Amino acid sequence: MKNKRMIAVATVLLLTVSLTQAATLELVKNKGFVQCGVSTGLAGFSAPDDKGHWKGIDVDTCRAVAAAIFGNANKVKYIPLTAKERLIALQTGEIELLSRNTTWTLNRDTTMGLNFIGINYYDGQGFMINKDLGITSVLELDGATVCTDAGTTTELNLADYFREHKMAYKAVVFDTADQTLRGFETGRCDVLTADQSQLYSLRIKLAKPDRVIVLPEIISKEPLGPVVRQGDDQWFNVVKWSLFALINAEEMGVTSKNVEDMKSSSNPGIKRLLGVEGNMGKGLGLSNEWAYNIIKLVGNYGEIFDRNVGKESPLKIERGLNALWSKGGLQYAPPIR
């Protein structure tokens, strides 16, 4: 009798886990869109254009997931979130996916019920100052007043760096990036610190961007990437492999412009990527054209980078660490096979 009871309990637990794992994907399919948390406005990453259309690397990550599920990259509802709001919104189920310049850390990955699915931008914390100060290094900032965002890893990095180098500072903390920029522009602080990508995005909003410089030092590792809740492996896999499809497509030379022609490629890897061979969508709960739809509707990782923050954008950020591993960078994805 005891063994039968144990078997029954185990069966119930397995069924519960199975239902939980399928819950998010089924919920999204039934609603007809993905609820995606983004920033309140950070050029190149997630910000509305003059027509109210959201654009950026993080936005395109959301669009890639929608394309994989629906074959339509526009089936996304964007939820603007401050740094303090972002993780809570994911934990409480207000959003299914957080794609908003968020750093992958041990604490966030292990104690908050969250899973980081990968890295869509390798970054690091930097400092922006007015040229008039005549400062060329962070090590000259002893006694400085520093503007920064609340609820970010930036605050801790700032404290660690200044303590390590025995320098004093005063932090002026704001809730949003725009507030932080206004504080810097109006003289509330001597220096603004944030992820270097964010500094480039904020600089173009200044009335006189040529009067500021970004100092050369990078004081931290900031691997930025999308986040989902723990406990739903199927949803975790859908989002994770949507990102991996973008990176694999660039490596294989498959773009939004040539994806139709590439369907007739003799390369087995490309055939699997585009759903011509194999049954790669089954394990994800998607059609075999999931990756084809991503590439056709959103592009590959290189296309996304170039148009949002790279050579085709106002930011003109070099690929650097975000180049493919085969071209001197760190972007690398497991194979689709």
C-alpha atoms as a PDB file:
ATOM      1  CA  MET A   1       0.000   0.000   0.000  1.00  0.00           C
ATOM      2  CA  LYS A   2       2.826   2.379   0.894  1.00  0.00           C
ATOM      3  CA  ASN A   3       4.546   1.738  -2.451  1.00  0.00           C
ATOM      4  CA  LYS A   4       1.296   2.375  -4.322  1.00  0.00           C
ATOM      5  CA  ARG A   5       0.819   5.650  -2.450  1.00  0.00           C
ATOM      6  CA  MET A   6       4.386   6.717  -3.274  1.00  0.00           C
ATOM      7  CA  ILE A   7       3.850   5.885  -6.945  1.00  0.00           C
ATOM      8  CA  ALA A   8       0.610   7.878  -6.974  1.00  0.00           C
ATOM      9  CA  VAL A   9       2.284  10.901  -5.384  1.00  0.00           C
ATOM     10  CA  ALA A  10       5.190  10.683  -7.827  1.00  0.00           C
ATOM     11  CA  THR A  11       2.736  10.511 -10.756  1.00  0.00           C
ATOM     12  CA  VAL A  12       0.909  13.620  -9.533  1.00  0.00           C
ATOM     13  CA  LEU A  13       4.212  15.466  -9.137  1.00  0.00           C
ATOM     14  CA  LEU A  14       5.318  14.527 -12.632  1.00  0.00           C
ATOM     15  CA  LEU A  15       1.997  15.667 -14.064  1.00  0.00           C
ATOM     16  CA  THR A  16       2.253  18.931 -12.138  1.00  0.00           C
ATOM     17  CA  VAL A  17       5.784  19.562 -13.434  1.00  0.00           C
ATOM     18  CA  SER A  18       4.687  18.743 -16.975  1.00  0.00           C
ATOM     19  CA  LEU A  19       1.752  21.154 -16.772  1.00  0.00           C
ATOM     20  CA  THR A  20       3.936  23.873 -15.267  1.00  0.00           C
ATOM     21  CA  GLN A  21       6.537  23.494 -17.981  1.00  0.00           C
ATOM     22  CA  ALA A  22       3.926  23.860 -20.703  1.00  0.00           C
ATOM     23  CA  ALA A  23       2.092  26.726 -19.004  1.00  0.00           C
ATOM     24  CA  THR A  24       3.912  29.783 -20.368  1.00  0.00           C
ATOM     25  CA  LEU A  25       4.062  28.744 -24.018  1.00  0.00           C
ATOM     26  CA  GLU A  26       0.410  27.700 -23.980  1.00  0.00           C
ATOM     27  CA  LEU A  27      -0.547  30.911 -22.188  1.00  0.00           C
ATOM     28  CA  VAL A  28       1.260  32.990 -24.792  1.00  0.00           C
ATOM     29  CA  LYS A  29      -0.283  31.037 -27.677  1.00  0.00           C
ATOM     30  CA  ASN A  30      -3.765  31.433 -26.206  1.00  0.00           C
ATOM     31  CA  LYS A  31      -3.329  35.182 -25.650  1.00  0.00           C
ATOM     32  CA  GLY A  32      -1.865  35.654 -29.109  1.00  0.00           C
ATOM     33  CA  PHE A  33       1.136  37.751 -28.033  1.00  0.00           C
ATOM     34  CA  VAL A  34       4.228  37.848 -25.808  1.00  0.00           C
ATOM     35  CA  GLN A  35       4.307  40.328 -22.909  1.00  0.00           C
ATOM     36  CA  CYS A  36       7.858  41.620 -22.953  1.00  0.00           C
ATOM     37  CA  GLY A  37       9.431  43.932 -20.375  1.00  0.00           C
ATOM     38  CA  VAL A  38      11.664  46.619 -21.876  1.00  0.00           C
ATOM     39  CA  SER A  39      13.342  49.815 -20.660  1.00  0.00           C
ATOM     40  CA  THR A  40      11.576  53.147 -20.311  1.00  0.00           C
ATOM     41  CA  GLY A  41      13.621  54.300 -23.295  1.00  0.00           C
ATOM     42  CA  LEU A  42      17.236  53.540 -24.151  1.00  0.00           C
ATOM     43  CA  ALA A  43      18.274  54.289 -27.732  1.00  0.00           C
ATOM     44  CA  GLY A  44      19.610  51.256 -29.574  1.00  0.00           C
ATOM     45  CA  PHE A  45      18.281  48.770 -27.031  1.00  0.00           C
ATOM     46  CA  SER A  46      14.606  49.498 -26.364  1.00  0.00           C
ATOM     47  CA  ALA A  47      12.941  52.813 -27.151  1.00  0.00           C
ATOM     48  CA  PRO A  48       9.883  53.982 -29.119  1.00  0.00           C
ATOM     49  CA  ASP A  49      10.549  55.897 -32.335  1.00  0.00           C
ATOM     50  CA  ASP A  50       8.708  59.082 -33.362  1.00  0.00           C
ATOM     51  CA  LYS A  51       5.758  56.942 -34.487  1.00  0.00           C
ATOM     52  CA  GLY A  52       5.586  55.013 -31.212  1.00  0.00           C
ATOM     53  CA  HIS A  53       7.110  51.807 -32.642  1.00  0.00           C
ATOM     54  CA  TRP A  54       9.548  50.105 -30.272  1.00  0.00           C
ATOM     55  CA  LYS A  55      13.048  49.569 -31.685  1.00  0.00           C
ATOM     56  CA  GLY A  56      16.371  48.164 -30.429  1.00  0.00           C
ATOM     57  CA  ILE A  57      18.422  45.027 -29.789  1.00  0.00           C
ATOM     58  CA  ASP A  58      16.299  44.051 -26.789  1.00  0.00           C
ATOM     59  CA  VAL A  59      13.104  44.734 -28.720  1.00  0.00           C
ATOM     60  CA  ASP A  60      14.311  42.529 -31.588  1.00  0.00           C
ATOM     61  CA  THR A  61      14.953  39.737 -29.086  1.00  0.00           C
ATOM     62  CA  CYS A  62      11.266  39.950 -28.105  1.00  0.00           C
ATOM     63  CA  ARG A  63      10.300  40.032 -31.788  1.00  0.00           C
ATOM     64  CA  ALA A  64      12.414  36.939 -32.475  1.00  0.00           C
ATOM     65  CA  VAL A  65      10.519  34.973 -29.817  1.00  0.00           C
ATOM     66  CA  ALA A  66       7.182  36.102 -31.269  1.00  0.00           C
ATOM     67  CA  ALA A  67       8.330  35.151 -34.774  1.00  0.00           C
ATOM     68  CA  ALA A  68       9.351  31.677 -33.555  1.00  0.00           C
ATOM     69  CA  ILE A  69       5.959  31.079 -31.920  1.00  0.00           C
ATOM     70  CA  PHE A  70       3.494  32.830 -34.244  1.00  0.00           C
ATOM     71  CA  GLY A  71       5.350  33.372 -37.507  1.00  0.00           C
ATOM     72  CA  ASN A  72       4.642  37.061 -36.829  1.00  0.00           C
ATOM     73  CA  ALA A  73       7.272  39.260 -35.165  1.00  0.00           C
ATOM     74  CA  ASN A  74       4.754  41.960 -34.255  1.00  0.00           C
ATOM     75  CA  LYS A  75       2.790  39.856 -31.771  1.00  0.00           C
ATOM     76  CA  VAL A  76       4.462  41.514 -28.779  1.00  0.00           C
ATOM     77  CA  LYS A  77       3.084  43.780 -26.060  1.00  0.00           C
ATOM     78  CA  TYR A  78       5.874  45.976 -24.692  1.00  0.00           C
ATOM     79  CA  ILE A  79       5.820  46.872 -20.992  1.00  0.00           C
ATOM     80  CA  PRO A  80       8.202  49.768 -20.130  1.00  0.00           C
ATOM     81  CA  LEU A  81       9.906  49.131 -16.782  1.00  0.00           C
ATOM     82  CA  THR A  82      12.406  51.001 -14.628  1.00  0.00           C
ATOM     83  CA  ALA A  83      15.433  49.175 -13.232  1.00  0.00           C
ATOM     84  CA  LYS A  84      13.677  48.821  -9.861  1.00  0.00           C
ATOM     85  CA  GLU A  85      10.485  47.434 -11.416  1.00  0.00           C
ATOM     86  CA  ARG A  86      11.909  45.019 -13.988  1.00  0.00           C
ATOM     87  CA  LEU A  87      12.654  41.895 -11.927  1.00  0.00           C
ATOM     88  CA  ILE A  88       9.493  42.178  -9.831  1.00  0.00           C
ATOM     89  CA  ALA A  89       7.380  42.403 -12.984  1.00  0.00           C
ATOM     90  CA  LEU A  90       8.857  39.115 -14.181  1.00  0.00           C
ATOM     91  CA  GLN A  91       8.587  37.399 -10.796  1.00  0.00           C
ATOM     92  CA  THR A  92       4.917  38.334 -10.422  1.00  0.00           C
ATOM     93  CA  GLY A  93       3.922  37.258 -13.933  1.00  0.00           C
ATOM     94  CA  GLU A  94       3.206  40.722 -15.321  1.00  0.00           C
ATOM     95  CA  ILE A  95       5.520  39.786 -18.204  1.00  0.00           C
ATOM     96  CA  GLU A  96       6.670  36.460 -19.683  1.00  0.00           C
ATOM     97  CA  LEU A  97      10.031  37.770 -20.857  1.00  0.00           C
ATOM     98  CA  LEU A  98      12.343  40.528 -19.645  1.00  0.00           C
ATOM     99  CA  SER A  99      14.521  41.891 -22.446  1.00  0.00           C
ATOM    100  CA  ARG A 100      15.938  45.057 -20.957  1.00  0.00           C
ATOM    101  CA  ASN A 101      19.708  45.674 -20.505  1.00  0.00           C
ATOM    102  CA  THR A 102      19.882  43.487 -17.383  1.00  0.00           C
ATOM    103  CA  THR A 103      23.171  42.083 -16.068  1.00  0.00           C
ATOM    104  CA  TRP A 104      23.487  38.352 -15.443  1.00  0.00           C
ATOM    105  CA  THR A 105      24.759  37.861 -11.870  1.00  0.00           C
ATOM    106  CA  LEU A 106      24.948  34.937  -9.465  1.00  0.00           C
ATOM    107  CA  ASN A 107      22.489  36.476  -7.013  1.00  0.00           C
ATOM    108  CA  ARG A 108      19.882  37.174  -9.666  1.00  0.00           C
ATOM    109  CA  ASP A 109      20.347  33.724 -11.170  1.00  0.00           C
ATOM    110  CA  THR A 110      20.073  31.764  -7.913  1.00  0.00           C
ATOM    111  CA  THR A 111      17.965  33.606  -5.334  1.00  0.00           C
ATOM    112  CA  MET A 112      15.270  35.450  -7.267  1.00  0.00           C
ATOM    113  CA  GLY A 113      13.526  32.636  -9.149  1.00  0.00           C
ATOM    114  CA  LEU A 114      14.941  33.801 -12.485  1.00  0.00           C
ATOM    115  CA  ASN A 115      16.804  32.224 -15.405  1.00  0.00           C
ATOM    116  CA  PHE A 116      19.074  34.179 -17.755  1.00  0.00           C
ATOM    117  CA  ILE A 117      18.825  32.574 -21.176  1.00  0.00           C
ATOM    118  CA  GLY A 118      22.055  33.890 -22.716  1.00  0.00           C
ATOM    119  CA  ILE A 119      23.903  37.093 -23.585  1.00  0.00           C
ATOM    120  CA  ASN A 120      22.705  39.381 -26.357  1.00  0.00           C
ATOM    121  CA  TYR A 121      25.205  42.152 -25.523  1.00  0.00           C
ATOM    122  CA  TYR A 122      28.578  41.990 -23.769  1.00  0.00           C
ATOM    123  CA  ASP A 123      29.053  45.268 -21.904  1.00  0.00           C
ATOM    124  CA  GLY A 124      30.980  46.893 -19.069  1.00  0.00           C
ATOM    125  CA  GLN A 125      30.539  49.884 -16.786  1.00  0.00           C
ATOM    126  CA  GLY A 126      32.066  53.171 -17.858  1.00  0.00           C
ATOM    127  CA  PHE A 127      32.110  56.884 -16.981  1.00  0.00           C
ATOM    128  CA  MET A 128      31.082  59.997 -18.912  1.00  0.00           C
ATOM    129  CA  ILE A 129      32.328  63.484 -17.988  1.00  0.00           C
ATOM    130  CA  ASN A 130      32.421  67.008 -19.368  1.00  0.00           C
ATOM    131  CA  LYS A 131      35.579  67.697 -21.372  1.00  0.00           C
ATOM    132  CA  ASP A 132      36.000  70.988 -19.494  1.00  0.00           C
ATOM    133  CA  LEU A 133      37.075  69.092 -16.362  1.00  0.00           C
ATOM    134  CA  GLY A 134      40.267  68.037 -18.116  1.00  0.00           C
ATOM    135  CA  ILE A 135      40.097  64.534 -16.637  1.00  0.00           C
ATOM    136  CA  THR A 136      41.401  61.605 -18.679  1.00  0.00           C
ATOM    137  CA  SER A 137      41.098  58.691 -16.219  1.00  0.00           C
ATOM    138  CA  VAL A 138      38.649  57.366 -13.656  1.00  0.00           C
ATOM    139  CA  LEU A 139      41.532  57.370 -11.162  1.00  0.00           C
ATOM    140  CA  GLU A 140      41.358  61.193 -11.192  1.00  0.00           C
ATOM    141  CA  LEU A 141      37.782  61.200  -9.824  1.00  0.00           C
ATOM    142  CA  ASP A 142      38.593  61.217  -6.101  1.00  0.00           C
ATOM    143  CA  GLY A 143      35.918  63.309  -4.371  1.00  0.00           C
ATOM    144  CA  ALA A 144      33.617  63.395  -7.410  1.00  0.00           C
ATOM    145  CA  THR A 145      29.829  63.512  -7.345  1.00  0.00           C
ATOM    146  CA  VAL A 146      28.497  60.657  -9.472  1.00  0.00           C
ATOM    147  CA  CYS A 147      25.041  60.303 -11.089  1.00  0.00           C
ATOM    148  CA  THR A 148      23.719  56.758 -11.494  1.00  0.00           C
ATOM    149  CA  ASP A 149      20.512  54.682 -11.788  1.00  0.00           C
ATOM    150  CA  ALA A 150      18.825  53.076  -8.794  1.00  0.00           C
ATOM    151  CA  GLY A 151      18.293  49.318  -8.570  1.00  0.00           C
ATOM    152  CA  THR A 152      21.249  48.373 -10.769  1.00  0.00           C
ATOM    153  CA  THR A 153      24.572  46.570 -10.431  1.00  0.00           C
ATOM    154  CA  THR A 154      26.123  49.944 -11.277  1.00  0.00           C
ATOM    155  CA  GLU A 155      25.799  51.178  -7.688  1.00  0.00           C
ATOM    156  CA  LEU A 156      27.682  48.185  -6.248  1.00  0.00           C
ATOM    157  CA  ASN A 157      30.381  48.323  -8.934  1.00  0.00           C
ATOM    158  CA  LEU A 158      30.879  52.018  -8.203  1.00  0.00           C
ATOM    159  CA  ALA A 159      31.266  51.401  -4.466  1.00  0.00           C
ATOM    160  CA  ASP A 160      33.656  48.476  -5.004  1.00  0.00           C
ATOM    161  CA  TYR A 161      35.872  50.366  -7.469  1.00  0.00           C
ATOM    162  CA  PHE A 162      36.223  53.529  -5.400  1.00  0.00           C
ATOM    163  CA  ARG A 163      36.843  51.559  -2.198  1.00  0.00           C
ATOM    164  CA  GLU A 164      39.494  49.410  -3.907  1.00  0.00           C
ATOM    165  CA  HIS A 165      41.314  52.532  -5.121  1.00  0.00           C
ATOM    166  CA  LYS A 166      40.829  54.397  -1.814  1.00  0.00           C
ATOM    167  CA  MET A 167      38.884  57.222  -3.420  1.00  0.00           C
ATOM    168  CA  ALA A 168      35.893  59.123  -2.031  1.00  0.00           C
ATOM    169  CA  TYR A 169      32.717  59.934  -3.975  1.00  0.00           C
ATOM    170  CA  LYS A 170      29.126  61.028  -3.486  1.00  0.00           C
ATOM    171  CA  ALA A 171      26.393  59.152  -5.349  1.00  0.00           C
ATOM    172  CA  VAL A 172      23.312  60.946  -6.711  1.00  0.00           C
ATOM    173  CA  VAL A 173      20.775  58.228  -7.547  1.00  0.00           C
ATOM    174  CA  PHE A 174      17.815  58.509  -9.944  1.00  0.00           C
ATOM    175  CA  ASP A 175      14.993  56.138 -10.888  1.00  0.00           C
ATOM    176  CA  THR A 176      15.327  56.318 -14.684  1.00  0.00           C
ATOM    177  CA  ALA A 177      18.110  56.798 -17.205  1.00  0.00           C
ATOM    178  CA  ASP A 178      16.522  60.021 -18.489  1.00  0.00           C
ATOM    179  CA  GLN A 179      16.424  61.456 -14.964  1.00  0.00           C
ATOM    180  CA  THR A 180      20.060  60.494 -14.482  1.00  0.00           C
ATOM    181  CA  LEU A 181      20.994  62.224 -17.736  1.00  0.00           C
ATOM    182  CA  ARG A 182      19.126  65.378 -16.749  1.00  0.00           C
ATOM    183  CA  GLY A 183      20.928  65.376 -13.405  1.00  0.00           C
ATOM    184  CA  PHE A 184      24.269  65.188 -15.204  1.00  0.00           C
ATOM    185  CA  GLU A 185      23.325  67.822 -17.772  1.00  0.00           C
ATOM    186  CA  THR A 186      22.125  70.304 -15.139  1.00  0.00           C
ATOM    187  CA  GLY A 187      25.251  69.951 -13.022  1.00  0.00           C
ATOM    188  CA  ARG A 188      23.949  67.799 -10.175  1.00  0.00           C
ATOM    189  CA  CYS A 189      27.055  65.671 -10.576  1.00  0.00           C
ATOM    190  CA  ASP A 190      30.545  65.735 -12.089  1.00  0.00           C
ATOM    191  CA  VAL A 191      30.286  62.370 -13.789  1.00  0.00           C
ATOM    192  CA  LEU A 192      27.658  59.917 -15.014  1.00  0.00           C
ATOM    193  CA  THR A 193      28.298  56.182 -14.711  1.00  0.00           C
ATOM    194  CA  ALA A 194      26.399  53.370 -16.423  1.00  0.00           C
ATOM    195  CA  ASP A 195      27.001  50.477 -18.807  1.00  0.00           C
ATOM    196  CA  GLN A 196      29.141  51.858 -21.610  1.00  0.00           C
ATOM    197  CA  SER A 197      26.445  51.067 -24.174  1.00  0.00           C
ATOM    198  CA  GLN A 198      24.016  53.149 -22.123  1.00  0.00           C
ATOM    199  CA  LEU A 199      26.475  56.041 -22.046  1.00  0.00           C
ATOM    200  CA  TYR A 200      26.599  56.073 -25.857  1.00  0.00           C
ATOM    201  CA  SER A 201      22.795  56.000 -25.965  1.00  0.00           C
ATOM    202  CA  LEU A 202      22.461  58.819 -23.442  1.00  0.00           C
ATOM    203  CA  ARG A 203      25.155  60.979 -25.021  1.00  0.00           C
ATOM    204  CA  ILE A 204      23.216  61.478 -28.271  1.00  0.00           C
ATOM    205  CA  LYS A 205      20.325  62.912 -26.217  1.00  0.00           C
ATOM    206  CA  LEU A 206      22.462  65.742 -24.860  1.00  0.00           C
ATOM    207  CA  ALA A 207      22.009  69.248 -26.272  1.00  0.00           C
ATOM    208  CA  LYS A 208      25.795  69.413 -26.818  1.00  0.00           C
ATOM    209  CA  PRO A 209      27.095  65.815 -27.057  1.00  0.00           C
ATOM    210  CA  ASP A 210      30.498  66.957 -28.328  1.00  0.00           C
ATOM    211  CA  ARG A 211      31.224  68.580 -24.962  1.00  0.00           C
ATOM    212  CA  VAL A 212      31.382  65.239 -23.121  1.00  0.00           C
ATOM    213  CA  ILE A 213      33.710  62.238 -23.332  1.00  0.00           C
ATOM    214  CA  VAL A 214      33.513  58.623 -22.201  1.00  0.00           C
ATOM    215  CA  LEU A 215      36.604  57.727 -20.186  1.00  0.00           C
ATOM    216  CA  PRO A 216      38.621  54.721 -21.434  1.00  0.00           C
ATOM    217  CA  GLU A 217      38.363  52.503 -18.339  1.00  0.00           C
ATOM    218  CA  ILE A 218      35.820  49.687 -18.082  1.00  0.00           C
ATOM    219  CA  ILE A 219      35.456  48.705 -14.410  1.00  0.00           C
ATOM    220  CA  SER A 220      33.165  45.671 -14.604  1.00  0.00           C
ATOM    221  CA  LYS A 221      31.782  42.793 -16.630  1.00  0.00           C
ATOM    222  CA  GLU A 222      28.166  43.390 -17.628  1.00  0.00           C
ATOM    223  CA  PRO A 223      26.806  40.425 -19.607  1.00  0.00           C
ATOM    224  CA  LEU A 224      23.357  41.622 -20.656  1.00  0.00           C
ATOM    225  CA  GLY A 225      20.626  39.269 -21.744  1.00  0.00           C
ATOM    226  CA  PRO A 226      16.968  38.226 -21.651  1.00  0.00           C
ATOM    227  CA  VAL A 227      15.459  36.701 -18.503  1.00  0.00           C
ATOM    228  CA  VAL A 228      12.556  34.328 -17.783  1.00  0.00           C
ATOM    229  CA  ARG A 229      11.101  32.839 -14.603  1.00  0.00           C
ATOM    230  CA  GLN A 230      12.472  29.579 -13.255  1.00  0.00           C
ATOM    231  CA  GLY A 231      10.317  26.446 -13.290  1.00  0.00           C
ATOM    232  CA  ASP A 232       9.285  26.389 -16.952  1.00  0.00           C
ATOM    233  CA  ASP A 233      11.926  24.563 -18.966  1.00  0.00           C
ATOM    234  CA  GLN A 234       9.968  24.612 -22.209  1.00  0.00           C
ATOM    235  CA  TRP A 235       9.610  28.417 -22.181  1.00  0.00           C
ATOM    236  CA  PHE A 236      13.258  28.748 -21.140  1.00  0.00           C
ATOM    237  CA  ASN A 237      14.231  26.661 -24.182  1.00  0.00           C
ATOM    238  CA  VAL A 238      12.020  28.616 -26.606  1.00  0.00           C
ATOM    239  CA  VAL A 239      13.561  31.953 -25.614  1.00  0.00           C
ATOM    240  CA  LYS A 240      17.097  30.556 -25.381  1.00  0.00           C
ATOM    241  CA  TRP A 241      17.064  28.925 -28.804  1.00  0.00           C
ATOM    242  CA  SER A 242      15.481  31.998 -30.381  1.00  0.00           C
ATOM    243  CA  LEU A 243      18.619  33.899 -29.372  1.00  0.00           C
ATOM    244  CA  PHE A 244      20.873  31.031 -30.494  1.00  0.00           C
ATOM    245  CA  ALA A 245      19.126  30.963 -33.894  1.00  0.00           C
ATOM    246  CA  LEU A 246      20.065  34.634 -34.437  1.00  0.00           C
ATOM    247  CA  ILE A 247      23.734  33.943 -33.706  1.00  0.00           C
ATOM    248  CA  ASN A 248      23.907  30.686 -35.686  1.00  0.00           C
ATOM    249  CA  ALA A 249      22.284  32.392 -38.668  1.00  0.00           C
ATOM    250  CA  GLU A 250      24.971  35.076 -38.761  1.00  0.00           C
ATOM    251  CA  GLU A 251      27.726  32.478 -38.524  1.00  0.00           C
ATOM    252  CA  MET A 252      26.205  30.508 -41.410  1.00  0.00           C
ATOM    253  CA  GLY A 253      25.714  33.618 -43.539  1.00  0.00           C
ATOM    254  CA  VAL A 254      21.918  33.385 -43.511  1.00  0.00           C
ATOM    255  CA  THR A 255      20.254  36.809 -43.565  1.00  0.00           C
ATOM    256  CA  SER A 256      16.751  38.212 -43.889  1.00  0.00           C
ATOM    257  CA  LYS A 257      17.587  39.024 -47.517  1.00  0.00           C
ATOM    258  CA  ASN A 258      18.896  35.609 -48.624  1.00  0.00           C
ATOM    259  CA  VAL A 259      16.930  33.268 -46.358  1.00  0.00           C
ATOM    260  CA  GLU A 260      14.632  32.074 -49.158  1.00  0.00           C
ATOM    261  CA  ASP A 261      17.565  31.161 -51.413  1.00  0.00           C
ATOM    262  CA  MET A 262      19.362  29.512 -48.497  1.00  0.00           C
ATOM    263  CA  LYS A 263      16.545  26.963 -48.216  1.00  0.00           C
ATOM    264  CA  SER A 264      18.094  25.213 -51.223  1.00  0.00           C
ATOM    265  CA  SER A 265      21.584  25.191 -49.672  1.00  0.00           C
ATOM    266  CA  SER A 266      23.476  21.890 -49.579  1.00  0.00           C
ATOM    267  CA  ASN A 267      24.837  22.728 -46.096  1.00  0.00           C
ATOM    268  CA  PRO A 268      23.202  20.300 -43.600  1.00  0.00           C
ATOM    269  CA  GLY A 269      23.442  22.846 -40.792  1.00  0.00           C
ATOM    270  CA  ILE A 270      21.575  25.467 -42.806  1.00  0.00           C
ATOM    271  CA  LYS A 271      18.952  22.910 -43.808  1.00  0.00           C
ATOM    272  CA  ARG A 272      18.319  22.075 -40.131  1.00  0.00           C
ATOM    273  CA  LEU A 273      18.297  25.755 -39.161  1.00  0.00           C
ATOM    274  CA  LEU A 274      15.657  26.597 -41.758  1.00  0.00           C
ATOM    275  CA  GLY A 275      13.505  23.509 -41.147  1.00  0.00           C
ATOM    276  CA  VAL A 276      14.209  21.908 -44.520  1.00  0.00           C
ATOM    277  CA  GLU A 277      15.580  18.778 -42.835  1.00  0.00           C
ATOM    278  CA  GLY A 278      15.049  17.236 -39.427  1.00  0.00           C
ATOM    279  CA  ASN A 279      12.355  17.901 -36.858  1.00  0.00           C
ATOM    280  CA  MET A 280      14.007  20.650 -34.809  1.00  0.00           C
ATOM    281  CA  GLY A 281      10.814  22.384 -33.719  1.00  0.00           C
ATOM    282  CA  LYS A 282       9.231  19.385 -32.002  1.00  0.00           C
ATOM    283  CA  GLY A 283      11.206  19.589 -28.762  1.00  0.00           C
ATOM    284  CA  LEU A 284      10.411  23.297 -28.477  1.00  0.00           C
ATOM    285  CA  GLY A 285       6.701  22.860 -29.094  1.00  0.00           C
ATOM    286  CA  LEU A 286       7.029  24.910 -32.293  1.00  0.00           C
ATOM    287  CA  SER A 287       6.842  24.351 -36.044  1.00  0.00           C
ATOM    288  CA  ASN A 288       9.974  23.310 -37.899  1.00  0.00           C
ATOM    289  CA  GLU A 289      10.090  26.768 -39.513  1.00  0.00           C
ATOM    290  CA  TRP A 290      10.552  28.546 -36.161  1.00  0.00           C
ATOM    291  CA  ALA A 291      14.119  29.673 -36.939  1.00  0.00           C
ATOM    292  CA  TYR A 292      13.320  30.444 -40.583  1.00  0.00           C
ATOM    293  CA  ASN A 293      10.563  32.779 -39.369  1.00  0.00           C
ATOM    294  CA  ILE A 294      12.949  34.512 -36.951  1.00  0.00           C
ATOM    295  CA  ILE A 295      15.541  35.182 -39.651  1.00  0.00           C
ATOM    296  CA  LYS A 296      13.026  36.193 -42.326  1.00  0.00           C
ATOM    297  CA  LEU A 297      11.115  38.592 -40.061  1.00  0.00           C
ATOM    298  CA  VAL A 298      13.838  39.890 -37.710  1.00  0.00           C
ATOM    299  CA  GLY A 299      17.211  39.075 -39.310  1.00  0.00           C
ATOM    300  CA  ASN A 300      20.338  37.498 -37.895  1.00  0.00           C
ATOM    301  CA  TYR A 301      22.338  38.797 -34.921  1.00  0.00           C
ATOM    302  CA  GLY A 302      24.686  40.859 -37.102  1.00  0.00           C
ATOM    303  CA  GLU A 303      21.786  42.561 -38.877  1.00  0.00           C
ATOM    304  CA  ILE A 304      20.147  43.363 -35.545  1.00  0.00           C
ATOM    305  CA  PHE A 305      23.381  44.768 -34.096  1.00  0.00           C
ATOM    306  CA  ASP A 306      24.219  46.908 -37.120  1.00  0.00           C
ATOM    307  CA  ARG A 307      20.821  48.568 -37.499  1.00  0.00           C
ATOM    308  CA  ASN A 308      20.267  49.252 -33.801  1.00  0.00           C
ATOM    309  CA  VAL A 309      23.645  50.169 -32.320  1.00  0.00           C
ATOM    310  CA  GLY A 310      26.270  49.514 -35.000  1.00  0.00           C
ATOM    311  CA  LYS A 311      27.367  51.021 -38.294  1.00  0.00           C
ATOM    312  CA  GLU A 312      23.836  51.661 -39.591  1.00  0.00           C
ATOM    313  CA  SER A 313      22.735  53.427 -36.394  1.00  0.00           C
ATOM    314  CA  PRO A 314      23.447  56.863 -34.884  1.00  0.00           C
ATOM    315  CA  LEU A 315      25.441  55.158 -32.087  1.00  0.00           C
ATOM    316  CA  LYS A 316      28.092  53.632 -34.424  1.00  0.00           C
ATOM    317  CA  ILE A 317      29.272  51.161 -31.742  1.00  0.00           C
ATOM    318  CA  GLU A 318      31.981  48.745 -32.886  1.00  0.00           C
ATOM    319  CA  ARG A 319      31.223  45.027 -32.600  1.00  0.00           C
ATOM    320  CA  GLY A 320      34.145  44.432 -30.213  1.00  0.00           C
ATOM    321  CA  LEU A 321      33.318  41.593 -27.814  1.00  0.00           C
ATOM    322  CA  ASN A 322      29.956  41.247 -29.567  1.00  0.00           C
ATOM    323  CA  ALA A 323      31.564  40.013 -32.769  1.00  0.00           C
ATOM    324  CA  LEU A 324      31.258  36.309 -33.546  1.00  0.00           C
ATOM    325  CA  TRP A 325      33.784  34.018 -31.862  1.00  0.00           C
ATOM    326  CA  SER A 326      35.223  33.328 -35.321  1.00  0.00           C
ATOM    327  CA  LYS A 327      35.927  37.046 -35.781  1.00  0.00           C
ATOM    328  CA  GLY A 328      37.605  37.835 -32.482  1.00  0.00           C
ATOM    329  CA  GLY A 329      34.502  38.314 -30.346  1.00  0.00           C
ATOM    330  CA  LEU A 330      32.602  36.274 -27.757  1.00  0.00           C
ATOM    331  CA  GLN A 331      29.286  35.581 -29.508  1.00  0.00           C
ATOM    332  CA  TYR A 332      28.936  31.831 -29.802  1.00  0.00           C
ATOM    333  CA  ALA A 333      25.885  29.581 -29.944  1.00  0.00           C
ATOM    334  CA  PRO A 334      25.427  25.799 -29.575  1.00  0.00           C
ATOM    335  CA  PRO A 335      24.665  24.032 -32.857  1.00  0.00           C
ATOM    336  CA  ILE A 336      21.171  23.227 -34.066  1.00  0.00           C
ATOM    337  CA  ARG A 337      21.325  19.503 -34.628  1.00  0.00           C
END
